[in-house]
Amino acid sequence: MANNIASLDSAFHALADPTRRAVVSRLITGPASVTDLAQPFSIGLPTFLKHLKVLEDSGLIGSGKTGRVRTCHLNPARLTAAEAWLAEQRAIWEGRADRLADYVENYMQKEQGQ
Protein backbone atom coordinates (compact mmCIF):
# COMPACT_ATOMS: atom_id res chain seq x y z
CA MET A 1 0.00 0.00 0.00
CA ALA A 2 2.79 2.46 0.90
CA ASN A 3 4.52 1.68 -2.41
CA ASN A 4 1.30 2.39 -4.32
CA ILE A 5 0.90 5.72 -2.54
CA ALA A 6 4.53 6.68 -3.20
CA SER A 7 4.22 5.75 -6.86
CA LEU A 8 0.99 7.74 -7.14
CA ASP A 9 2.70 10.70 -5.47
CA SER A 10 5.55 10.61 -7.98
CA ALA A 11 3.14 10.13 -10.91
CA PHE A 12 1.00 13.12 -9.92
CA HIS A 13 4.13 15.19 -9.21
CA ALA A 14 5.37 14.39 -12.70
CA LEU A 15 1.99 15.20 -14.25
CA ALA A 16 1.78 18.54 -12.42
CA ASP A 17 3.97 20.24 -15.03
CA PRO A 18 2.54 21.22 -18.44
CA THR A 19 5.75 20.30 -20.29
CA ARG A 20 5.72 16.81 -18.82
CA ARG A 21 2.01 16.39 -19.53
CA ALA A 22 2.68 17.40 -23.15
CA VAL A 23 5.43 14.77 -23.37
CA VAL A 24 3.07 12.11 -22.00
CA SER A 25 0.39 13.21 -24.49
CA ARG A 26 2.88 12.93 -27.32
CA LEU A 27 4.05 9.49 -26.20
CA ILE A 28 0.46 8.18 -26.18
CA THR A 29 0.73 8.20 -29.97
CA GLY A 30 3.90 6.08 -29.85
CA PRO A 31 7.61 6.13 -28.95
CA ALA A 32 9.69 9.15 -29.92
CA SER A 33 13.29 10.26 -29.79
CA VAL A 34 14.39 12.84 -27.24
CA THR A 35 15.15 15.25 -30.08
CA ASP A 36 11.63 14.92 -31.48
CA LEU A 37 10.10 15.28 -28.02
CA ALA A 38 12.13 18.41 -27.24
CA GLN A 39 11.46 20.16 -30.55
CA PRO A 40 8.11 21.84 -29.68
CA PHE A 41 9.47 23.44 -26.51
CA SER A 42 11.46 26.66 -26.31
CA ILE A 43 13.62 25.45 -23.44
CA GLY A 44 17.21 24.27 -23.42
CA LEU A 45 17.96 20.59 -23.83
CA PRO A 46 19.41 20.25 -20.31
CA THR A 47 16.17 21.61 -18.84
CA PHE A 48 14.12 19.33 -21.06
CA LEU A 49 16.20 16.35 -19.97
CA LYS A 50 15.36 17.18 -16.34
CA HIS A 51 11.67 16.91 -17.26
CA LEU A 52 12.33 13.51 -18.83
CA LYS A 53 14.17 12.39 -15.70
CA VAL A 54 11.18 13.29 -13.53
CA LEU A 55 8.91 11.31 -15.86
CA GLU A 56 11.29 8.33 -15.83
CA ASP A 57 11.69 8.46 -12.05
CA SER A 58 7.91 8.39 -11.69
CA GLY A 59 7.72 5.35 -13.95
CA LEU A 60 5.42 7.08 -16.41
CA ILE A 61 7.93 6.72 -19.24
CA GLY A 62 10.91 4.58 -20.06
CA SER A 63 13.71 4.98 -22.55
CA GLY A 64 16.25 3.01 -24.48
CA LYS A 65 19.28 3.94 -26.50
CA THR A 66 20.11 2.70 -29.98
CA GLY A 67 23.42 4.12 -31.13
CA ARG A 68 23.26 7.82 -30.38
CA VAL A 69 19.47 8.03 -30.40
CA ARG A 70 17.58 7.81 -27.13
CA THR A 71 13.96 6.83 -27.63
CA CYS A 72 11.25 7.30 -25.00
CA HIS A 73 8.09 5.27 -24.58
CA LEU A 74 5.06 5.50 -22.33
CA ASN A 75 4.53 3.08 -19.45
CA PRO A 76 0.75 2.66 -19.67
CA ALA A 77 0.49 0.68 -16.41
CA ARG A 78 1.62 3.67 -14.34
CA LEU A 79 -0.75 6.01 -16.16
CA THR A 80 -3.58 3.50 -15.64
CA ALA A 81 -2.86 3.39 -11.89
CA ALA A 82 -3.19 7.18 -11.66
CA GLU A 83 -6.39 7.09 -13.71
CA ALA A 84 -7.82 4.33 -11.47
CA TRP A 85 -7.15 6.41 -8.36
CA LEU A 86 -8.94 9.41 -9.90
CA ALA A 87 -11.90 7.22 -10.91
CA GLU A 88 -12.11 5.84 -7.37
CA GLN A 89 -12.17 9.37 -5.91
CA ARG A 90 -14.80 10.45 -8.45
CA ALA A 91 -17.04 7.51 -7.51
CA ILE A 92 -16.76 8.37 -3.79
CA TRP A 93 -17.73 12.00 -4.38
CA GLU A 94 -20.53 11.12 -6.78
CA GLY A 95 -21.94 8.76 -4.13
CA ARG A 96 -21.81 11.53 -1.53
CA ALA A 97 -23.47 14.00 -3.89
CA ASP A 98 -26.23 11.47 -4.67
CA ARG A 99 -26.89 10.86 -0.96
CA LEU A 100 -27.03 14.61 -0.33
CA ALA A 101 -29.47 15.08 -3.22
CA ASP A 102 -31.66 12.27 -1.83
CA TYR A 103 -31.57 13.82 1.64
CA VAL A 104 -32.51 17.27 0.35
CA GLU A 105 -35.29 15.83 -1.81
CA ASN A 106 -36.74 13.85 1.12
CA TYR A 107 -36.47 16.88 3.39
CA MET A 108 -38.28 19.09 0.87
CA GLN A 109 -41.06 16.50 0.50
CA LYS A 110 -41.50 16.34 4.29
CA GLU A 111 -41.61 20.15 4.52
CA GLN A 112 -44.24 20.36 1.77
CA GLY A 113 -46.30 17.60 3.43
CA GLN A 114 -46.61 19.41 6.75
C-alpha atoms as a PDB file:
ATOM      1  CA  MET A   1       0.000   0.000   0.000  1.00  0.00           C
ATOM      2  CA  ALA A   2       2.795   2.455   0.899  1.00  0.00           C
ATOM      3  CA  ASN A   3       4.524   1.678  -2.405  1.00  0.00           C
ATOM      4  CA  ASN A   4       1.302   2.392  -4.316  1.00  0.00           C
ATOM      5  CA  ILE A   5       0.904   5.725  -2.537  1.00  0.00           C
ATOM      6  CA  ALA A   6       4.534   6.682  -3.202  1.00  0.00           C
ATOM      7  CA  SER A   7       4.221   5.747  -6.861  1.00  0.00           C
ATOM      8  CA  LEU A   8       0.992   7.743  -7.143  1.00  0.00           C
ATOM      9  CA  ASP A   9       2.701  10.704  -5.472  1.00  0.00           C
ATOM     10  CA  SER A  10       5.551  10.614  -7.982  1.00  0.00           C
ATOM     11  CA  ALA A  11       3.144  10.134 -10.906  1.00  0.00           C
ATOM     12  CA  PHE A  12       1.005  13.119  -9.918  1.00  0.00           C
ATOM     13  CA  HIS A  13       4.125  15.192  -9.207  1.00  0.00           C
ATOM     14  CA  ALA A  14       5.368  14.389 -12.705  1.00  0.00           C
ATOM     15  CA  LEU A  15       1.989  15.199 -14.250  1.00  0.00           C
ATOM     16  CA  ALA A  16       1.779  18.536 -12.415  1.00  0.00           C
ATOM     17  CA  ASP A  17       3.968  20.241 -15.028  1.00  0.00           C
ATOM     18  CA  PRO A  18       2.543  21.219 -18.440  1.00  0.00           C
ATOM     19  CA  THR A  19       5.747  20.300 -20.286  1.00  0.00           C
ATOM     20  CA  ARG A  20       5.725  16.809 -18.822  1.00  0.00           C
ATOM     21  CA  ARG A  21       2.005  16.391 -19.534  1.00  0.00           C
ATOM     22  CA  ALA A  22       2.676  17.401 -23.148  1.00  0.00           C
ATOM     23  CA  VAL A  23       5.426  14.767 -23.369  1.00  0.00           C
ATOM     24  CA  VAL A  24       3.065  12.115 -22.001  1.00  0.00           C
ATOM     25  CA  SER A  25       0.389  13.206 -24.485  1.00  0.00           C
ATOM     26  CA  ARG A  26       2.881  12.926 -27.324  1.00  0.00           C
ATOM     27  CA  LEU A  27       4.052   9.489 -26.203  1.00  0.00           C
ATOM     28  CA  ILE A  28       0.463   8.185 -26.177  1.00  0.00           C
ATOM     29  CA  THR A  29       0.733   8.200 -29.966  1.00  0.00           C
ATOM     30  CA  GLY A  30       3.905   6.082 -29.852  1.00  0.00           C
ATOM     31  CA  PRO A  31       7.610   6.125 -28.953  1.00  0.00           C
ATOM     32  CA  ALA A  32       9.689   9.148 -29.917  1.00  0.00           C
ATOM     33  CA  SER A  33      13.294  10.255 -29.790  1.00  0.00           C
ATOM     34  CA  VAL A  34      14.394  12.836 -27.237  1.00  0.00           C
ATOM     35  CA  THR A  35      15.150  15.246 -30.084  1.00  0.00           C
ATOM     36  CA  ASP A  36      11.628  14.920 -31.475  1.00  0.00           C
ATOM     37  CA  LEU A  37      10.099  15.280 -28.022  1.00  0.00           C
ATOM     38  CA  ALA A  38      12.127  18.406 -27.240  1.00  0.00           C
ATOM     39  CA  GLN A  39      11.464  20.162 -30.549  1.00  0.00           C
ATOM     40  CA  PRO A  40       8.106  21.841 -29.684  1.00  0.00           C
ATOM     41  CA  PHE A  41       9.465  23.440 -26.514  1.00  0.00           C
ATOM     42  CA  SER A  42      11.461  26.656 -26.306  1.00  0.00           C
ATOM     43  CA  ILE A  43      13.616  25.447 -23.440  1.00  0.00           C
ATOM     44  CA  GLY A  44      17.208  24.274 -23.417  1.00  0.00           C
ATOM     45  CA  LEU A  45      17.961  20.585 -23.835  1.00  0.00           C
ATOM     46  CA  PRO A  46      19.411  20.254 -20.308  1.00  0.00           C
ATOM     47  CA  THR A  47      16.167  21.614 -18.841  1.00  0.00           C
ATOM     48  CA  PHE A  48      14.118  19.327 -21.062  1.00  0.00           C
ATOM     49  CA  LEU A  49      16.195  16.348 -19.965  1.00  0.00           C
ATOM     50  CA  LYS A  50      15.358  17.184 -16.340  1.00  0.00           C
ATOM     51  CA  HIS A  51      11.672  16.906 -17.258  1.00  0.00           C
ATOM     52  CA  LEU A  52      12.328  13.508 -18.828  1.00  0.00           C
ATOM     53  CA  LYS A  53      14.174  12.385 -15.701  1.00  0.00           C
ATOM     54  CA  VAL A  54      11.183  13.294 -13.531  1.00  0.00           C
ATOM     55  CA  LEU A  55       8.914  11.311 -15.865  1.00  0.00           C
ATOM     56  CA  GLU A  56      11.287   8.334 -15.833  1.00  0.00           C
ATOM     57  CA  ASP A  57      11.694   8.458 -12.048  1.00  0.00           C
ATOM     58  CA  SER A  58       7.906   8.395 -11.688  1.00  0.00           C
ATOM     59  CA  GLY A  59       7.723   5.353 -13.953  1.00  0.00           C
ATOM     60  CA  LEU A  60       5.418   7.082 -16.414  1.00  0.00           C
ATOM     61  CA  ILE A  61       7.925   6.724 -19.237  1.00  0.00           C
ATOM     62  CA  GLY A  62      10.915   4.580 -20.060  1.00  0.00           C
ATOM     63  CA  SER A  63      13.708   4.982 -22.554  1.00  0.00           C
ATOM     64  CA  GLY A  64      16.245   3.009 -24.479  1.00  0.00           C
ATOM     65  CA  LYS A  65      19.280   3.937 -26.496  1.00  0.00           C
ATOM     66  CA  THR A  66      20.109   2.704 -29.979  1.00  0.00           C
ATOM     67  CA  GLY A  67      23.425   4.116 -31.129  1.00  0.00           C
ATOM     68  CA  ARG A  68      23.259   7.817 -30.384  1.00  0.00           C
ATOM     69  CA  VAL A  69      19.473   8.030 -30.397  1.00  0.00           C
ATOM     70  CA  ARG A  70      17.584   7.806 -27.129  1.00  0.00           C
ATOM     71  CA  THR A  71      13.955   6.828 -27.628  1.00  0.00           C
ATOM     72  CA  CYS A  72      11.254   7.298 -24.998  1.00  0.00           C
ATOM     73  CA  HIS A  73       8.087   5.273 -24.582  1.00  0.00           C
ATOM     74  CA  LEU A  74       5.058   5.499 -22.332  1.00  0.00           C
ATOM     75  CA  ASN A  75       4.526   3.076 -19.448  1.00  0.00           C
ATOM     76  CA  PRO A  76       0.749   2.657 -19.669  1.00  0.00           C
ATOM     77  CA  ALA A  77       0.493   0.682 -16.415  1.00  0.00           C
ATOM     78  CA  ARG A  78       1.620   3.670 -14.345  1.00  0.00           C
ATOM     79  CA  LEU A  79      -0.754   6.006 -16.156  1.00  0.00           C
ATOM     80  CA  THR A  80      -3.583   3.503 -15.644  1.00  0.00           C
ATOM     81  CA  ALA A  81      -2.860   3.393 -11.895  1.00  0.00           C
ATOM     82  CA  ALA A  82      -3.192   7.181 -11.661  1.00  0.00           C
ATOM     83  CA  GLU A  83      -6.386   7.089 -13.708  1.00  0.00           C
ATOM     84  CA  ALA A  84      -7.823   4.331 -11.473  1.00  0.00           C
ATOM     85  CA  TRP A  85      -7.150   6.410  -8.360  1.00  0.00           C
ATOM     86  CA  LEU A  86      -8.944   9.407  -9.902  1.00  0.00           C
ATOM     87  CA  ALA A  87     -11.896   7.216 -10.915  1.00  0.00           C
ATOM     88  CA  GLU A  88     -12.112   5.838  -7.367  1.00  0.00           C
ATOM     89  CA  GLN A  89     -12.172   9.368  -5.914  1.00  0.00           C
ATOM     90  CA  ARG A  90     -14.795  10.453  -8.446  1.00  0.00           C
ATOM     91  CA  ALA A  91     -17.037   7.505  -7.506  1.00  0.00           C
ATOM     92  CA  ILE A  92     -16.764   8.368  -3.793  1.00  0.00           C
ATOM     93  CA  TRP A  93     -17.732  12.004  -4.382  1.00  0.00           C
ATOM     94  CA  GLU A  94     -20.529  11.125  -6.779  1.00  0.00           C
ATOM     95  CA  GLY A  95     -21.938   8.759  -4.131  1.00  0.00           C
ATOM     96  CA  ARG A  96     -21.807  11.526  -1.530  1.00  0.00           C
ATOM     97  CA  ALA A  97     -23.473  13.997  -3.893  1.00  0.00           C
ATOM     98  CA  ASP A  98     -26.226  11.466  -4.674  1.00  0.00           C
ATOM     99  CA  ARG A  99     -26.886  10.857  -0.960  1.00  0.00           C
ATOM    100  CA  LEU A 100     -27.028  14.607  -0.329  1.00  0.00           C
ATOM    101  CA  ALA A 101     -29.470  15.078  -3.220  1.00  0.00           C
ATOM    102  CA  ASP A 102     -31.660  12.267  -1.826  1.00  0.00           C
ATOM    103  CA  TYR A 103     -31.570  13.816   1.642  1.00  0.00           C
ATOM    104  CA  VAL A 104     -32.514  17.267   0.355  1.00  0.00           C
ATOM    105  CA  GLU A 105     -35.288  15.832  -1.809  1.00  0.00           C
ATOM    106  CA  ASN A 106     -36.744  13.853   1.117  1.00  0.00           C
ATOM    107  CA  TYR A 107     -36.469  16.878   3.387  1.00  0.00           C
ATOM    108  CA  MET A 108     -38.284  19.085   0.869  1.00  0.00           C
ATOM    109  CA  GLN A 109     -41.061  16.504   0.497  1.00  0.00           C
ATOM    110  CA  LYS A 110     -41.498  16.344   4.286  1.00  0.00           C
ATOM    111  CA  GLU A 111     -41.613  20.153   4.516  1.00  0.00           C
ATOM    112  CA  GLN A 112     -44.237  20.360   1.774  1.00  0.00           C
ATOM    113  CA  GLY A 113     -46.304  17.600   3.429  1.00  0.00           C
ATOM    114  CA  GLN A 114     -46.613  19.410   6.752  1.00  0.00           C
END
